[in-house]
């Protein structure tokens, strides 16, 4: 298990409580996972948590820390467009941003929308099975922690 020691602002998520029932469970806290968490929680008002294997948000960008890692898409298309305020707040420093700047951006988004409180970091999913009778997904982490979510 990788622990970044807070390098990217992770490890602040709340642990899911045993037996806690959720409306939705998001796997991963990269670009897509953060967006899903925000929309399910804030727009639809669902009880939702995200599980992330890494020690912070970022998904691929959290793990790919090699020298020179950068986006191959121009920065003006590699960001969230759902919030005009967010778009006004952020200024990319390069046309093709590097990994550290992308991580700063994703942490800015997660902090701005208070997403980290609903992300459980350093948690890997080991299995997910659909229980037709209960109409629920049964998810287990590598540590054996059982989670349950409505379908």
Foldseek 3Di string as FASTA:
>chain_A
DDAPVCPLPFPQEDDDDAPDEWAEEAEAQAPVSVVVLCCCCPVVVTGYAYEHQARHHHGVLRPPPDPPAWAPAFPVVPDDDPDPVLVVPDDAPDRIDHSVVSSVSSSVSCVVSVRNHRYDYNWAWDDWDQDVVVQWIWTAIPVGRIYIHHD
